[in-house]
Amino acid sequence: MNLKDIELVMLDGSTKTFGEIQGKVTMVVNVASRCGLSPQYETLEAMQKKYKDKGFTVVGVPSNQFFQELKSSDDISEYCSTTWGVTFPMTEKSKLNGKNAHPLYKELTKSVDAEGNAGNVKWNFEKFLVLENGEVKRFRPTTKPDAAPIIEAIEANLAK
């Protein structure tokens, strides 16, 4: 399946394909409002602002897979905008793992991390850098969004 063709229901209820919101480099992150890693929202938003005019975008995918997300899209939207000032696109809550995983995650989880491991999302704030050519680079949850390997990959691919 081509990632660009996968349909996403956005947090506001609109429907878009991944290709409609994809930049030259797109960071897809499964987010959760009540997770100890939620301060990563601040860094994700700073990166969105810094690189968006060069073709970068963050896409937040709220998930309650680990029982740390708010109940409604309105609650998630309000929390993200008022607490972290989030302006990047966000989808509705989605499943990440298992037979009911969102098609986007069924594709993304085929990619391997730095240790060569593919498969299920391990926790909230796992990051997938989707490059314009379709290549996916995977970073586990505790890797900060602005870690050197991520920034290097973003900047190298935005410069093309």
C-alpha atoms as a PDB file:
ATOM      1  CA  MET A   1       0.000   0.000   0.000  1.00  0.00           C
ATOM      2  CA  ASN A   2       1.230   3.482  -0.813  1.00  0.00           C
ATOM      3  CA  LEU A   3       1.370   5.716   2.282  1.00  0.00           C
ATOM      4  CA  LYS A   4       0.194   8.721   0.242  1.00  0.00           C
ATOM      5  CA  ASP A   5      -3.157   7.038  -0.447  1.00  0.00           C
ATOM      6  CA  ILE A   6      -4.014   6.186   3.157  1.00  0.00           C
ATOM      7  CA  GLU A   7      -7.037   8.098   4.430  1.00  0.00           C
ATOM      8  CA  LEU A   8      -6.842   9.921   7.745  1.00  0.00           C
ATOM      9  CA  VAL A   9      -9.687  11.382   9.737  1.00  0.00           C
ATOM     10  CA  MET A  10      -8.339  14.545  11.282  1.00  0.00           C
ATOM     11  CA  LEU A  11      -9.053  15.705  14.823  1.00  0.00           C
ATOM     12  CA  ASP A  12     -11.585  18.231  13.445  1.00  0.00           C
ATOM     13  CA  GLY A  13     -13.494  15.445  11.650  1.00  0.00           C
ATOM     14  CA  SER A  14     -12.301  16.251   8.120  1.00  0.00           C
ATOM     15  CA  THR A  15     -10.817  13.510   5.944  1.00  0.00           C
ATOM     16  CA  LYS A  16      -7.510  13.793   4.103  1.00  0.00           C
ATOM     17  CA  THR A  17      -5.059  11.413   2.562  1.00  0.00           C
ATOM     18  CA  PHE A  18      -1.572  11.174   4.015  1.00  0.00           C
ATOM     19  CA  GLY A  19      -0.293  12.522   0.708  1.00  0.00           C
ATOM     20  CA  GLU A  20      -2.341  15.721   1.185  1.00  0.00           C
ATOM     21  CA  ILE A  21      -0.579  16.556   4.441  1.00  0.00           C
ATOM     22  CA  GLN A  22       2.819  15.012   3.732  1.00  0.00           C
ATOM     23  CA  GLY A  23       5.758  17.358   3.384  1.00  0.00           C
ATOM     24  CA  LYS A  24       9.245  16.664   2.013  1.00  0.00           C
ATOM     25  CA  VAL A  25       9.824  15.211   5.472  1.00  0.00           C
ATOM     26  CA  THR A  26       6.916  14.230   7.707  1.00  0.00           C
ATOM     27  CA  MET A  27       7.275  13.117  11.313  1.00  0.00           C
ATOM     28  CA  VAL A  28       4.381  10.887  12.350  1.00  0.00           C
ATOM     29  CA  VAL A  29       4.165  10.607  16.138  1.00  0.00           C
ATOM     30  CA  ASN A  30       1.662   8.675  18.230  1.00  0.00           C
ATOM     31  CA  VAL A  31       0.788  11.043  21.049  1.00  0.00           C
ATOM     32  CA  ALA A  32      -1.006  10.782  24.384  1.00  0.00           C
ATOM     33  CA  SER A  33      -2.049  13.654  26.609  1.00  0.00           C
ATOM     34  CA  ARG A  34      -1.533  11.899  29.936  1.00  0.00           C
ATOM     35  CA  CYS A  35       1.853  10.351  29.194  1.00  0.00           C
ATOM     36  CA  GLY A  36       5.048  11.281  31.012  1.00  0.00           C
ATOM     37  CA  LEU A  37       6.574  11.918  27.580  1.00  0.00           C
ATOM     38  CA  SER A  38       3.934  14.550  26.673  1.00  0.00           C
ATOM     39  CA  PRO A  39       6.435  17.418  27.164  1.00  0.00           C
ATOM     40  CA  GLN A  40       7.742  16.246  23.762  1.00  0.00           C
ATOM     41  CA  TYR A  41       4.765  18.183  22.329  1.00  0.00           C
ATOM     42  CA  GLU A  42       6.691  21.387  23.024  1.00  0.00           C
ATOM     43  CA  THR A  43       9.703  20.245  21.002  1.00  0.00           C
ATOM     44  CA  LEU A  44       7.526  18.875  18.209  1.00  0.00           C
ATOM     45  CA  GLU A  45       5.759  22.232  17.907  1.00  0.00           C
ATOM     46  CA  ALA A  46       9.087  24.117  17.915  1.00  0.00           C
ATOM     47  CA  MET A  47      10.324  21.856  15.107  1.00  0.00           C
ATOM     48  CA  GLN A  48       7.084  22.400  13.167  1.00  0.00           C
ATOM     49  CA  LYS A  49       7.578  26.160  13.377  1.00  0.00           C
ATOM     50  CA  LYS A  50      11.289  26.018  12.550  1.00  0.00           C
ATOM     51  CA  TYR A  51      11.060  23.772   9.490  1.00  0.00           C
ATOM     52  CA  LYS A  52       7.502  24.056   8.115  1.00  0.00           C
ATOM     53  CA  ASP A  53       8.404  26.637   5.463  1.00  0.00           C
ATOM     54  CA  LYS A  54      11.093  24.267   4.179  1.00  0.00           C
ATOM     55  CA  GLY A  55       8.687  21.357   3.653  1.00  0.00           C
ATOM     56  CA  PHE A  56       8.568  19.655   7.057  1.00  0.00           C
ATOM     57  CA  THR A  57       5.465  18.748   8.990  1.00  0.00           C
ATOM     58  CA  VAL A  58       4.611  16.878  12.155  1.00  0.00           C
ATOM     59  CA  VAL A  59       1.476  14.723  12.185  1.00  0.00           C
ATOM     60  CA  GLY A  60       0.218  13.804  15.635  1.00  0.00           C
ATOM     61  CA  VAL A  61      -1.769  10.591  15.976  1.00  0.00           C
ATOM     62  CA  PRO A  62      -3.507  10.421  19.352  1.00  0.00           C
ATOM     63  CA  SER A  63      -3.893   6.903  20.636  1.00  0.00           C
ATOM     64  CA  ASN A  64      -5.307   5.328  23.742  1.00  0.00           C
ATOM     65  CA  GLN A  65      -3.447   2.089  23.001  1.00  0.00           C
ATOM     66  CA  PHE A  66      -1.537   2.551  26.268  1.00  0.00           C
ATOM     67  CA  PHE A  67      -4.516   4.013  28.204  1.00  0.00           C
ATOM     68  CA  GLN A  68      -3.113   7.546  28.507  1.00  0.00           C
ATOM     69  CA  GLU A  69      -5.212   9.584  26.072  1.00  0.00           C
ATOM     70  CA  LEU A  70      -8.243  11.746  26.722  1.00  0.00           C
ATOM     71  CA  LYS A  71     -11.676  10.496  25.679  1.00  0.00           C
ATOM     72  CA  SER A  72     -12.871  12.918  23.003  1.00  0.00           C
ATOM     73  CA  SER A  73     -11.355  14.702  20.025  1.00  0.00           C
ATOM     74  CA  ASP A  74     -12.499  18.021  21.521  1.00  0.00           C
ATOM     75  CA  ASP A  75     -10.699  17.287  24.800  1.00  0.00           C
ATOM     76  CA  ILE A  76      -7.527  16.270  22.953  1.00  0.00           C
ATOM     77  CA  SER A  77      -7.641  19.350  20.742  1.00  0.00           C
ATOM     78  CA  GLU A  78      -8.183  21.694  23.682  1.00  0.00           C
ATOM     79  CA  TYR A  79      -5.411  20.100  25.745  1.00  0.00           C
ATOM     80  CA  CYS A  80      -2.874  20.207  22.904  1.00  0.00           C
ATOM     81  CA  SER A  81      -3.613  23.780  21.881  1.00  0.00           C
ATOM     82  CA  THR A  82      -3.901  25.322  25.339  1.00  0.00           C
ATOM     83  CA  THR A  83      -1.146  23.356  27.095  1.00  0.00           C
ATOM     84  CA  TRP A  84       1.429  23.074  24.300  1.00  0.00           C
ATOM     85  CA  GLY A  85       0.309  25.526  21.595  1.00  0.00           C
ATOM     86  CA  VAL A  86       0.110  22.723  19.030  1.00  0.00           C
ATOM     87  CA  THR A  87      -0.568  23.893  15.480  1.00  0.00           C
ATOM     88  CA  PHE A  88       0.577  20.813  13.539  1.00  0.00           C
ATOM     89  CA  PRO A  89      -2.051  18.495  12.020  1.00  0.00           C
ATOM     90  CA  MET A  90      -3.515  15.823  14.262  1.00  0.00           C
ATOM     91  CA  THR A  91      -5.688  12.848  13.431  1.00  0.00           C
ATOM     92  CA  GLU A  92      -8.524  11.368  15.426  1.00  0.00           C
ATOM     93  CA  LYS A  93      -7.634   8.712  18.007  1.00  0.00           C
ATOM     94  CA  SER A  94      -6.320   5.599  16.291  1.00  0.00           C
ATOM     95  CA  LYS A  95      -5.158   2.113  17.145  1.00  0.00           C
ATOM     96  CA  LEU A  96      -1.464   1.506  16.527  1.00  0.00           C
ATOM     97  CA  ASN A  97      -1.011  -2.210  17.074  1.00  0.00           C
ATOM     98  CA  GLY A  98      -2.986  -5.372  16.476  1.00  0.00           C
ATOM     99  CA  LYS A  99      -5.515  -6.450  13.891  1.00  0.00           C
ATOM    100  CA  ASN A 100      -7.462  -3.177  14.219  1.00  0.00           C
ATOM    101  CA  ALA A 101      -4.414  -0.953  13.770  1.00  0.00           C
ATOM    102  CA  HIS A 102      -4.907   2.053  11.522  1.00  0.00           C
ATOM    103  CA  PRO A 103      -3.668   1.343   7.967  1.00  0.00           C
ATOM    104  CA  LEU A 104      -1.038   4.075   8.378  1.00  0.00           C
ATOM    105  CA  TYR A 105       0.446   2.219  11.342  1.00  0.00           C
ATOM    106  CA  LYS A 106       0.163  -1.159   9.629  1.00  0.00           C
ATOM    107  CA  GLU A 107       2.552   0.286   7.045  1.00  0.00           C
ATOM    108  CA  LEU A 108       4.794   2.352   9.330  1.00  0.00           C
ATOM    109  CA  THR A 109       5.468  -0.492  11.762  1.00  0.00           C
ATOM    110  CA  LYS A 110       7.044  -2.520   8.943  1.00  0.00           C
ATOM    111  CA  SER A 111      10.008  -0.139   9.118  1.00  0.00           C
ATOM    112  CA  VAL A 112      12.955  -0.868  11.390  1.00  0.00           C
ATOM    113  CA  ASP A 113      14.592   1.211  14.107  1.00  0.00           C
ATOM    114  CA  ALA A 114      18.346   1.781  14.571  1.00  0.00           C
ATOM    115  CA  GLU A 115      18.725  -1.720  16.036  1.00  0.00           C
ATOM    116  CA  GLY A 116      16.954  -3.334  13.077  1.00  0.00           C
ATOM    117  CA  ASN A 117      13.708  -4.033  14.938  1.00  0.00           C
ATOM    118  CA  ALA A 118      10.310  -3.628  13.272  1.00  0.00           C
ATOM    119  CA  GLY A 119       6.881  -4.480  14.644  1.00  0.00           C
ATOM    120  CA  ASN A 120       4.563  -3.011  17.223  1.00  0.00           C
ATOM    121  CA  VAL A 121       4.786   0.501  18.573  1.00  0.00           C
ATOM    122  CA  LYS A 122       6.306   0.128  22.038  1.00  0.00           C
ATOM    123  CA  TRP A 123       4.911   3.232  23.748  1.00  0.00           C
ATOM    124  CA  ASN A 124       3.600   6.748  23.214  1.00  0.00           C
ATOM    125  CA  PHE A 125       5.694   9.234  21.210  1.00  0.00           C
ATOM    126  CA  GLU A 126       7.317   6.742  18.852  1.00  0.00           C
ATOM    127  CA  LYS A 127       8.479   8.689  15.817  1.00  0.00           C
ATOM    128  CA  PHE A 128       8.455   7.799  12.125  1.00  0.00           C
ATOM    129  CA  LEU A 129      10.197  10.152   9.696  1.00  0.00           C
ATOM    130  CA  VAL A 130       8.613   9.683   6.281  1.00  0.00           C
ATOM    131  CA  LEU A 131      10.808  11.064   3.530  1.00  0.00           C
ATOM    132  CA  GLU A 132       9.529  12.349   0.207  1.00  0.00           C
ATOM    133  CA  ASN A 133      10.796   9.213  -1.580  1.00  0.00           C
ATOM    134  CA  GLY A 134       8.761   7.004   0.779  1.00  0.00           C
ATOM    135  CA  GLU A 135      11.682   5.879   2.937  1.00  0.00           C
ATOM    136  CA  VAL A 136      10.778   5.626   6.639  1.00  0.00           C
ATOM    137  CA  LYS A 137      13.185   6.159   9.529  1.00  0.00           C
ATOM    138  CA  ARG A 138      11.957   4.924  12.903  1.00  0.00           C
ATOM    139  CA  PHE A 139      12.842   6.302  16.328  1.00  0.00           C
ATOM    140  CA  ARG A 140      11.646   4.839  19.607  1.00  0.00           C
ATOM    141  CA  PRO A 141       9.673   6.859  22.210  1.00  0.00           C
ATOM    142  CA  THR A 142      12.510   7.931  24.485  1.00  0.00           C
ATOM    143  CA  THR A 143      14.464   9.382  21.561  1.00  0.00           C
ATOM    144  CA  LYS A 144      13.769  13.102  21.827  1.00  0.00           C
ATOM    145  CA  PRO A 145      12.271  14.701  18.721  1.00  0.00           C
ATOM    146  CA  ASP A 146      15.291  16.998  18.386  1.00  0.00           C
ATOM    147  CA  ALA A 147      17.923  14.268  18.880  1.00  0.00           C
ATOM    148  CA  ALA A 148      20.895  14.622  16.528  1.00  0.00           C
ATOM    149  CA  PRO A 149      20.012  11.638  14.264  1.00  0.00           C
ATOM    150  CA  ILE A 150      16.498  13.015  13.705  1.00  0.00           C
ATOM    151  CA  ILE A 151      17.607  16.591  13.044  1.00  0.00           C
ATOM    152  CA  GLU A 152      20.355  15.359  10.698  1.00  0.00           C
ATOM    153  CA  ALA A 153      17.841  13.297   8.708  1.00  0.00           C
ATOM    154  CA  ILE A 154      15.367  16.189   8.533  1.00  0.00           C
ATOM    155  CA  GLU A 155      17.932  18.760   7.441  1.00  0.00           C
ATOM    156  CA  ALA A 156      19.615  16.438   4.922  1.00  0.00           C
ATOM    157  CA  ASN A 157      16.283  15.717   3.234  1.00  0.00           C
ATOM    158  CA  LEU A 158      14.927  19.264   3.320  1.00  0.00           C
ATOM    159  CA  ALA A 159      18.090  20.477   1.576  1.00  0.00           C
ATOM    160  CA  LYS A 160      17.338  18.322  -1.502  1.00  0.00           C
END
